[in-house]
N, C-alpha and C. Protein backbone atom coordinates (compact mmCIF):
# COMPACT_ATOMS: atom_id res chain seq x y z
N UNK A 1 -59.02 5.18 41.23
CA UNK A 1 -59.61 5.83 40.05
C UNK A 1 -59.47 4.87 38.86
N UNK A 2 -60.37 4.73 38.15
CA UNK A 2 -60.24 4.25 36.79
C UNK A 2 -59.77 5.19 35.91
N UNK A 3 -58.68 4.76 35.08
CA UNK A 3 -58.05 5.73 34.16
C UNK A 3 -57.79 5.14 32.85
N UNK A 4 -57.87 5.90 31.86
CA UNK A 4 -57.61 5.51 30.45
C UNK A 4 -56.09 6.13 30.13
N UNK A 5 -55.30 5.39 29.37
CA UNK A 5 -54.03 5.86 29.24
C UNK A 5 -53.74 5.74 27.74
N UNK A 6 -53.05 6.76 27.22
CA UNK A 6 -52.60 6.91 25.95
C UNK A 6 -51.13 6.54 25.75
N UNK A 7 -50.79 5.59 24.93
CA UNK A 7 -49.22 5.10 25.01
C UNK A 7 -48.74 5.71 23.72
N UNK A 8 -47.59 6.21 23.96
CA UNK A 8 -46.72 6.94 22.72
C UNK A 8 -45.48 6.50 22.85
N UNK A 9 -44.61 6.69 21.88
CA UNK A 9 -43.13 6.55 21.78
C UNK A 9 -42.62 7.91 22.41
N UNK A 10 -41.40 7.93 22.86
CA UNK A 10 -40.82 9.16 23.48
C UNK A 10 -40.77 10.20 22.47
N UNK A 11 -40.61 10.17 21.09
CA UNK A 11 -40.75 11.31 20.20
C UNK A 11 -42.23 11.66 20.09
N UNK A 12 -43.14 10.93 20.55
CA UNK A 12 -44.57 11.33 20.54
C UNK A 12 -45.52 10.65 19.59
N UNK A 13 -45.10 9.52 19.02
CA UNK A 13 -45.87 8.74 18.00
C UNK A 13 -46.91 7.79 18.67
N UNK A 14 -48.07 8.05 18.48
CA UNK A 14 -49.12 7.13 19.18
C UNK A 14 -48.86 5.68 18.88
N UNK A 15 -48.95 4.92 19.97
CA UNK A 15 -48.82 3.33 19.83
C UNK A 15 -50.32 2.74 20.24
N UNK A 16 -51.08 3.40 21.11
CA UNK A 16 -52.28 2.70 21.44
C UNK A 16 -52.91 3.26 22.75
N UNK A 17 -53.82 2.57 23.09
CA UNK A 17 -54.78 3.04 24.49
C UNK A 17 -54.56 1.66 25.42
N UNK A 18 -54.62 1.97 26.71
CA UNK A 18 -54.65 1.20 27.85
C UNK A 18 -55.48 1.59 28.88
N UNK A 19 -55.68 0.86 29.93
CA UNK A 19 -56.47 1.30 31.11
C UNK A 19 -55.75 0.51 32.37
N UNK A 20 -56.06 1.48 33.40
CA UNK A 20 -55.42 0.92 34.68
C UNK A 20 -56.39 1.71 35.82
N UNK A 21 -56.11 1.10 37.02
CA UNK A 21 -56.67 1.66 38.20
C UNK A 21 -55.34 2.39 38.78
N UNK A 22 -55.64 3.56 39.11
CA UNK A 22 -54.58 4.25 40.01
C UNK A 22 -55.09 4.78 41.30
N UNK A 23 -54.30 4.20 42.25
CA UNK A 23 -54.33 4.67 43.58
C UNK A 23 -53.72 5.93 44.03
N UNK A 24 -54.12 6.93 44.43
CA UNK A 24 -53.48 8.22 44.40
C UNK A 24 -53.46 8.60 45.84
N UNK A 25 -52.11 8.85 46.45
CA UNK A 25 -51.93 9.20 47.96
C UNK A 25 -51.27 10.55 48.03
N UNK A 26 -51.56 11.24 47.05
CA UNK A 26 -50.93 12.71 46.84
C UNK A 26 -49.48 12.76 46.81
N UNK A 27 -48.70 12.04 47.74
CA UNK A 27 -47.18 12.07 47.56
C UNK A 27 -46.61 10.99 46.93
N UNK A 28 -47.66 10.05 46.37
CA UNK A 28 -47.14 8.78 45.79
C UNK A 28 -48.45 8.28 45.09
N UNK A 29 -48.12 7.38 44.03
CA UNK A 29 -49.29 6.77 43.50
C UNK A 29 -48.89 5.38 43.04
N UNK A 30 -49.85 4.54 42.84
CA UNK A 30 -49.79 3.14 42.28
C UNK A 30 -50.60 2.92 41.01
N UNK A 31 -50.06 2.24 39.99
CA UNK A 31 -50.79 1.95 38.75
C UNK A 31 -50.86 0.40 38.86
N UNK A 32 -52.23 0.03 38.87
CA UNK A 32 -52.53 -1.40 38.84
C UNK A 32 -53.12 -1.75 37.52
N UNK A 33 -52.41 -2.77 36.97
CA UNK A 33 -52.83 -3.24 35.51
C UNK A 33 -53.10 -4.84 35.82
N UNK A 34 -53.65 -5.53 34.97
CA UNK A 34 -53.92 -7.09 34.92
C UNK A 34 -52.63 -7.68 35.27
N UNK A 35 -51.43 -7.34 34.68
CA UNK A 35 -50.17 -8.21 34.74
C UNK A 35 -49.08 -7.47 35.54
N UNK A 36 -49.21 -6.27 35.99
CA UNK A 36 -48.11 -5.44 36.59
C UNK A 36 -48.78 -4.41 37.50
N UNK A 37 -47.83 -4.06 38.57
CA UNK A 37 -48.26 -3.09 39.44
C UNK A 37 -47.05 -2.21 39.54
N UNK A 38 -47.21 -0.98 39.41
CA UNK A 38 -46.20 0.03 39.37
C UNK A 38 -46.33 0.94 40.48
N UNK A 39 -45.34 0.99 41.53
CA UNK A 39 -45.33 1.97 42.69
C UNK A 39 -44.59 3.06 42.47
N UNK A 40 -45.15 4.42 42.39
CA UNK A 40 -44.10 5.44 42.04
C UNK A 40 -43.10 5.76 43.16
N UNK A 41 -43.22 5.46 44.35
CA UNK A 41 -42.36 5.80 45.34
C UNK A 41 -42.69 7.33 45.64
N UNK A 42 -42.02 7.87 46.70
CA UNK A 42 -42.17 9.27 47.17
C UNK A 42 -41.96 10.25 45.97
N UNK A 43 -42.91 11.09 45.53
CA UNK A 43 -42.59 12.13 44.49
C UNK A 43 -41.90 13.31 45.13
N UNK A 44 -41.12 13.66 44.35
CA UNK A 44 -40.21 15.02 44.74
C UNK A 44 -40.38 16.04 43.64
N UNK A 45 -40.43 17.14 44.10
CA UNK A 45 -40.32 18.55 43.40
C UNK A 45 -39.91 19.73 44.30
N UNK A 46 -38.96 20.47 43.89
CA UNK A 46 -38.55 21.47 44.70
C UNK A 46 -39.67 22.55 44.77
N UNK A 47 -40.46 22.77 43.78
CA UNK A 47 -41.52 23.74 43.91
C UNK A 47 -42.63 23.15 42.78
N UNK A 48 -43.65 22.41 43.33
CA UNK A 48 -44.61 21.65 42.53
C UNK A 48 -45.41 22.68 41.61
N UNK A 49 -45.38 23.97 41.87
CA UNK A 49 -46.06 24.79 41.09
C UNK A 49 -45.27 25.24 39.74
N UNK A 50 -43.93 24.89 39.75
CA UNK A 50 -43.05 25.02 38.48
C UNK A 50 -42.64 23.76 38.02
N UNK A 51 -42.36 22.58 38.89
CA UNK A 51 -41.73 21.50 38.50
C UNK A 51 -42.70 20.29 38.70
N UNK A 52 -42.76 19.42 37.80
CA UNK A 52 -43.49 18.09 37.78
C UNK A 52 -43.14 17.29 39.00
N UNK A 53 -43.85 16.96 40.11
CA UNK A 53 -43.57 16.00 41.00
C UNK A 53 -43.15 14.50 40.43
N UNK A 54 -42.06 14.04 40.63
CA UNK A 54 -41.57 12.88 39.79
C UNK A 54 -40.85 11.99 40.75
N UNK A 55 -40.73 10.63 40.44
CA UNK A 55 -39.88 9.61 41.23
C UNK A 55 -39.34 8.59 40.31
N UNK A 56 -38.27 7.95 40.48
CA UNK A 56 -38.02 6.89 39.70
C UNK A 56 -38.34 5.59 40.46
N UNK A 57 -38.91 4.75 39.68
CA UNK A 57 -39.63 3.41 40.29
C UNK A 57 -38.49 2.42 40.49
N UNK A 58 -38.79 1.29 41.17
CA UNK A 58 -37.81 0.40 41.25
C UNK A 58 -37.51 -0.53 40.03
N UNK A 59 -38.58 -0.38 38.99
CA UNK A 59 -38.31 -1.00 37.69
C UNK A 59 -37.60 -0.08 36.72
N UNK A 60 -37.30 1.17 37.25
CA UNK A 60 -36.59 2.08 36.42
C UNK A 60 -37.30 2.99 35.47
N UNK A 61 -38.63 3.09 35.82
CA UNK A 61 -39.55 3.93 35.19
C UNK A 61 -39.59 5.43 35.74
N UNK A 62 -39.82 6.27 35.03
CA UNK A 62 -40.08 7.68 35.55
C UNK A 62 -41.51 7.83 35.90
N UNK A 63 -41.97 8.10 36.98
CA UNK A 63 -43.40 8.38 37.44
C UNK A 63 -43.45 9.77 37.76
N UNK A 64 -44.62 10.35 37.10
CA UNK A 64 -44.92 11.83 37.37
C UNK A 64 -46.33 11.93 37.47
N UNK A 65 -46.42 12.89 38.49
CA UNK A 65 -48.00 13.46 38.79
C UNK A 65 -48.34 14.62 38.04
N UNK A 66 -48.79 14.63 36.97
CA UNK A 66 -49.16 15.88 36.15
C UNK A 66 -50.10 16.76 36.70
N UNK A 67 -51.10 16.06 37.34
CA UNK A 67 -52.13 16.99 38.05
C UNK A 67 -53.00 16.06 39.12
N UNK A 68 -53.98 16.53 39.50
CA UNK A 68 -54.81 15.73 40.32
C UNK A 68 -55.48 14.54 39.71
N UNK A 69 -55.52 14.37 38.26
CA UNK A 69 -56.37 13.30 37.61
C UNK A 69 -55.44 12.93 36.40
N UNK A 70 -54.24 13.39 36.18
CA UNK A 70 -53.27 12.96 35.15
C UNK A 70 -52.08 12.56 35.85
N UNK A 71 -51.56 11.27 35.30
CA UNK A 71 -50.35 10.67 35.77
C UNK A 71 -49.58 10.15 34.48
N UNK A 72 -48.17 10.09 34.59
CA UNK A 72 -47.41 9.63 33.52
C UNK A 72 -46.34 8.70 33.95
N UNK A 73 -46.21 7.73 33.16
CA UNK A 73 -45.24 6.58 33.43
C UNK A 73 -44.36 6.48 32.21
N UNK A 74 -42.96 6.77 32.23
CA UNK A 74 -42.20 6.62 31.21
C UNK A 74 -41.22 5.55 31.21
N UNK A 75 -41.21 4.68 30.24
CA UNK A 75 -40.37 3.59 30.29
C UNK A 75 -39.29 3.63 29.28
N UNK A 76 -38.19 4.09 29.58
CA UNK A 76 -37.01 4.41 28.74
C UNK A 76 -36.60 3.16 27.94
N UNK A 77 -36.62 1.97 28.53
CA UNK A 77 -36.28 0.67 28.02
C UNK A 77 -37.08 0.47 26.72
N UNK A 78 -38.32 0.57 26.67
CA UNK A 78 -39.24 0.46 25.66
C UNK A 78 -39.42 1.55 24.71
N UNK A 79 -38.75 2.79 25.24
CA UNK A 79 -38.90 3.94 24.31
C UNK A 79 -40.34 4.37 24.16
N UNK A 80 -41.08 4.39 25.35
CA UNK A 80 -42.48 4.83 25.28
C UNK A 80 -42.81 5.22 26.68
N UNK A 81 -44.12 6.15 26.74
CA UNK A 81 -44.68 6.62 27.89
C UNK A 81 -46.06 6.52 27.70
N UNK A 82 -46.79 6.47 28.82
CA UNK A 82 -48.24 6.47 28.80
C UNK A 82 -48.65 7.62 29.91
N UNK A 83 -49.72 8.43 29.51
CA UNK A 83 -50.23 9.35 30.11
C UNK A 83 -51.68 8.90 30.57
N UNK A 84 -51.74 8.64 31.75
CA UNK A 84 -53.21 8.26 32.27
C UNK A 84 -54.07 9.55 32.81
N UNK A 85 -55.16 9.51 32.15
CA UNK A 85 -56.25 10.46 32.50
C UNK A 85 -57.37 9.72 33.25
N UNK A 86 -57.64 10.21 34.51
CA UNK A 86 -58.65 9.51 35.40
C UNK A 86 -59.80 10.29 35.77
N UNK A 87 -60.83 9.65 35.88
CA UNK A 87 -62.16 10.28 36.23
C UNK A 87 -62.62 10.08 37.67
């Protein structure tokens, strides 16, 4: 899926926009960008109706599946996150 991403600081201040291709496998997803590929790994949730399915990537990001067409990558090192909205 082609996705548009809004990049913000962890406190929520807008930084800019980005885009990526997201390959969704329901229990995991991949974010494909020109210079980087992020693999979420197996997403976990005790109860996905109450808790967001999440995983920590090998790069140390928190990957979250917010819905069937919304995904989030949190980068604590850069103090920022990106929420991707896919069509």
